[in-house]
Protein backbone atom coordinates (compact mmCIF):
# COMPACT_ATOMS: atom_id res chain seq x y z
CA MET A 1 -15.03 -17.24 15.22
CA ASP A 2 -13.53 -17.09 11.73
CA ASN A 3 -14.43 -13.41 11.44
CA LEU A 4 -12.96 -12.67 14.87
CA PHE A 5 -9.72 -14.43 13.91
CA ARG A 6 -9.65 -12.46 10.66
CA TYR A 7 -9.96 -9.17 12.51
CA VAL A 8 -7.27 -10.15 15.01
CA ILE A 9 -4.90 -10.62 12.07
CA LEU A 10 -6.14 -7.80 9.87
CA ILE A 11 -6.04 -4.94 12.39
CA PRO A 12 -2.29 -5.12 13.19
CA CYS A 13 -1.52 -5.67 9.50
CA VAL A 14 -3.40 -2.49 8.60
CA LEU A 15 -1.88 -0.52 11.49
CA ILE A 16 1.57 -1.41 10.17
CA SER A 17 1.01 -1.22 6.43
CA LEU A 18 -0.91 2.04 6.00
CA PRO A 19 1.43 4.17 8.18
CA VAL A 20 4.47 2.81 6.33
CA HIS A 21 2.80 3.64 3.01
CA GLU A 22 2.10 7.22 4.08
CA TYR A 23 5.52 7.63 5.71
CA ALA A 24 7.12 6.60 2.40
CA HIS A 25 5.24 9.40 0.63
CA ALA A 26 6.34 11.90 3.29
CA TRP A 27 9.96 10.69 3.24
CA MET A 28 10.25 10.92 -0.54
CA ALA A 29 8.66 14.38 -0.64
CA ASP A 30 11.07 15.55 2.05
CA LYS A 31 14.05 14.16 0.13
CA LEU A 32 12.90 16.00 -2.98
CA GLY A 33 12.76 19.31 -1.13
CA ASP A 34 9.19 19.57 0.19
CA PRO A 35 9.17 20.02 4.02
CA THR A 36 5.36 20.14 4.28
CA ALA A 37 4.86 16.63 5.65
CA ARG A 38 7.78 16.99 8.06
CA ASN A 39 6.45 20.31 9.36
CA LEU A 40 3.02 18.76 9.94
CA GLY A 41 4.40 15.80 11.85
CA ARG A 42 3.76 13.20 9.16
CA MET A 43 7.37 11.98 9.04
CA THR A 44 6.53 9.25 11.54
CA LEU A 45 5.40 5.63 11.70
CA ASN A 46 2.94 6.43 14.48
CA PRO A 47 -0.43 5.10 13.19
CA LEU A 48 -2.31 7.86 15.01
CA ARG A 49 -0.74 10.45 12.69
CA HIS A 50 -1.84 8.65 9.54
CA ILE A 51 -4.98 6.64 10.20
CA ASP A 52 -8.33 7.97 9.05
CA PRO A 53 -11.03 6.45 11.35
CA ILE A 54 -13.59 6.00 8.57
CA GLY A 55 -10.93 4.71 6.18
CA ILE A 56 -9.69 2.04 8.56
CA ILE A 57 -13.24 0.92 9.41
CA CYS A 58 -13.94 0.51 5.69
CA MET A 59 -10.67 -1.35 5.30
CA ILE A 60 -11.61 -3.85 8.00
CA LEU A 61 -15.30 -4.27 7.15
CA LEU A 62 -15.43 -3.72 3.38
CA GLY A 63 -11.98 -4.80 2.27
CA PHE A 64 -10.87 -1.37 1.02
CA GLY A 65 -10.02 1.83 2.83
CA TRP A 66 -7.64 4.73 3.07
CA ALA A 67 -5.37 6.70 5.37
CA LYS A 68 -4.99 10.46 5.72
CA PRO A 69 -3.27 11.65 2.53
CA VAL A 70 0.18 13.11 3.09
CA PRO A 71 0.12 16.80 2.12
CA VAL A 72 2.55 17.57 -0.69
CA ASN A 73 3.40 21.01 -2.11
CA SER A 74 4.78 20.55 -5.62
CA ARG A 75 6.07 24.14 -5.68
CA TYR A 76 9.09 22.95 -3.72
CA PHE A 77 10.03 20.42 -6.39
CA GLY A 78 12.64 21.06 -9.07
CA LYS A 79 10.64 19.03 -11.60
CA PRO A 80 7.06 19.00 -10.24
CA ARG A 81 5.49 16.31 -12.44
CA ARG A 82 8.44 13.92 -12.19
CA ASP A 83 8.86 14.47 -8.46
CA MET A 84 5.13 14.04 -7.79
CA ALA A 85 5.34 10.73 -9.63
CA LEU A 86 8.29 9.67 -7.46
CA VAL A 87 6.41 10.65 -4.29
CA SER A 88 3.41 8.65 -5.47
CA LEU A 89 5.53 5.62 -6.39
CA ALA A 90 7.15 5.55 -2.93
CA GLY A 91 3.92 4.34 -1.29
CA PRO A 92 3.34 1.19 -3.38
CA VAL A 93 7.08 0.40 -3.33
CA SER A 94 7.05 0.51 0.47
CA ASN A 95 4.18 -1.99 0.49
CA LEU A 96 6.06 -4.33 -1.83
CA LEU A 97 9.08 -4.13 0.48
CA LEU A 98 6.86 -4.97 3.46
CA ALA A 99 5.44 -7.89 1.48
CA LEU A 100 8.95 -9.13 0.78
CA ILE A 101 9.88 -8.87 4.46
CA GLY A 102 6.70 -10.72 5.40
CA THR A 103 7.44 -13.46 2.86
CA LEU A 104 11.02 -13.85 4.14
CA ILE A 105 9.74 -14.22 7.71
CA LEU A 106 7.01 -16.60 6.55
CA ARG A 107 9.51 -18.88 4.84
CA THR A 108 11.81 -18.75 7.89
CA VAL A 109 8.93 -19.78 10.13
CA GLN A 110 8.04 -22.64 7.82
CA ILE A 111 11.60 -23.93 7.93
CA PHE A 112 12.51 -23.45 11.59
CA ALA A 113 9.30 -23.31 13.64
CA SER A 114 8.75 -26.46 15.67
CA ASP A 115 5.79 -25.59 17.90
CA THR A 116 2.52 -26.30 16.08
CA VAL A 117 0.50 -23.45 17.61
CA THR A 118 3.28 -20.92 16.99
CA PHE A 119 3.75 -22.22 13.47
CA VAL A 120 0.11 -21.93 12.48
CA ALA A 121 -0.34 -18.48 14.01
CA ALA A 122 2.87 -17.07 12.52
CA GLN A 123 2.29 -18.63 9.11
CA THR A 124 -1.25 -17.27 8.94
CA PHE A 125 -0.22 -13.77 10.05
CA PHE A 126 2.73 -13.34 7.70
CA THR A 127 0.90 -14.87 4.75
CA TYR A 128 -1.91 -12.38 5.24
CA PHE A 129 0.55 -9.55 5.91
CA ALA A 130 2.43 -10.18 2.66
CA TYR A 131 -0.73 -10.64 0.61
CA LEU A 132 -2.35 -7.51 2.07
CA ASN A 133 0.66 -5.36 1.22
CA ILE A 134 0.83 -6.68 -2.33
CA SER A 135 -2.90 -5.95 -2.67
CA LEU A 136 -2.36 -2.41 -1.39
CA ALA A 137 0.43 -1.87 -3.91
CA VAL A 138 -1.64 -3.24 -6.80
CA PHE A 139 -4.70 -1.22 -5.80
CA ASN A 140 -2.76 2.03 -5.44
CA LEU A 141 -1.13 1.57 -8.83
CA ILE A 142 -4.48 1.69 -10.62
CA PRO A 143 -4.14 4.79 -12.86
CA VAL A 144 -7.26 6.50 -11.53
CA PRO A 145 -7.34 9.65 -9.34
CA PRO A 146 -6.74 9.96 -6.45
CA LEU A 147 -4.69 6.74 -6.42
CA ASP A 148 -0.91 6.82 -6.73
CA GLY A 149 -1.03 5.21 -10.14
CA SER A 150 -2.74 8.26 -11.61
CA ARG A 151 0.31 10.43 -10.85
CA LEU A 152 2.52 7.90 -12.61
CA PHE A 153 0.21 7.62 -15.60
CA PHE A 154 -0.39 11.35 -16.00
CA ILE A 155 3.33 12.12 -16.18
CA PHE A 156 3.22 10.78 -19.75
CA LEU A 157 0.34 13.07 -20.76
CA PRO A 158 0.77 16.54 -22.25
CA VAL A 159 0.68 19.26 -19.59
CA LYS A 160 -2.65 20.60 -20.85
CA TRP A 161 -4.30 17.18 -20.58
CA TYR A 162 -2.72 16.57 -17.17
CA PHE A 163 -4.21 19.65 -15.53
CA GLY A 164 -7.45 19.21 -17.43
CA MET A 165 -7.98 15.75 -15.97
CA MET A 166 -7.01 16.92 -12.49
CA LYS A 167 -10.05 19.24 -12.53
CA TYR A 168 -12.30 16.18 -12.48
CA GLU A 169 -10.40 14.31 -9.77
CA ARG A 170 -13.17 14.68 -7.17
CA TYR A 171 -15.81 13.22 -9.49
CA VAL A 172 -13.55 10.36 -10.54
CA GLN A 173 -12.89 9.64 -6.85
CA ILE A 174 -16.61 9.33 -6.14
CA ALA A 175 -17.02 6.97 -9.09
CA LEU A 176 -14.05 4.93 -7.88
CA TYR A 177 -15.57 4.46 -4.42
CA LEU A 178 -18.87 3.39 -5.94
CA LEU A 179 -17.11 0.83 -8.12
CA LEU A 180 -15.22 -0.46 -5.08
CA ILE A 181 -18.43 -0.86 -3.10
CA LEU A 182 -19.87 -2.81 -6.03
CA GLY A 183 -16.77 -5.01 -6.08
CA ALA A 184 -15.74 -4.04 -9.60
CA PHE A 185 -12.01 -4.42 -8.89
CA THR A 186 -12.13 -7.28 -6.38
CA ASN A 187 -11.39 -10.17 -8.74
CA VAL A 188 -8.77 -8.31 -10.78
CA ILE A 189 -6.85 -7.08 -7.72
CA GLY A 190 -7.17 -10.48 -6.06
CA ASN A 191 -5.87 -12.35 -9.11
CA VAL A 192 -2.95 -9.98 -9.70
CA ALA A 193 -2.03 -9.91 -6.00
CA GLY A 194 -2.24 -13.69 -5.78
CA PHE A 195 0.02 -14.09 -8.80
CA LEU A 196 2.59 -11.63 -7.44
CA PHE A 197 2.51 -13.26 -4.01
CA ASN A 198 3.17 -16.68 -5.54
CA CYS A 199 6.05 -15.24 -7.59
CA MET A 200 7.53 -13.57 -4.53
CA TYR A 201 7.16 -16.72 -2.44
CA LEU A 202 8.81 -18.88 -5.10
CA GLY A 203 11.65 -16.35 -5.43
CA VAL A 204 12.25 -16.31 -1.67
CA ASP A 205 12.03 -20.11 -1.56
CA ALA A 206 14.66 -20.33 -4.30
CA ILE A 207 16.99 -18.01 -2.35
CA PHE A 208 16.52 -20.07 0.82
CA GLY A 209 17.25 -23.20 -1.21
CA ILE A 210 20.63 -21.79 -2.20
CA PHE A 211 21.76 -20.75 1.29
CA ILE A 212 20.09 -23.33 3.53
């Protein structure tokens, strides 16, 4: 029953969070001059345009997963390395914004909800929603290809090193998946996400304390 309840919560959270993450990449690329994602129909929040079936199954069953990467053509950018970093950063930022929205709703429910069943269900959902999005942001900021953090990290490398490391992206990706299956990042991501969630919750609680 606990697993069933977890899936009931997790599936809608994933179907909201991953499309928003990918849409943010597409939106930023479009704003910086690259129409590729728009032309391919990726400028949408429709989960069917973003969800990778295997990725979402892994997300639900194994605790990590992926969506279809948004295609980006850096030749359209005025400053390719900088703009690629901005496109990459847009995804994790969108997840942090979703986490903030979830935390705001969570705190509102805690203050105003009166029905016990509604309270428990809503509190559980928005707690998980906020924590999941913070976890997605933290995970994607790991500076390892093909994660978003690698584009941010590599912008500080000399051009020769940058393109040299990109040649090995596929092999690094395989190693990353193996480490994820072995749970190498589980505790680190969990601890960082938990800390950030607590900080966000306390910040929202302080704001509510001022106005309510």
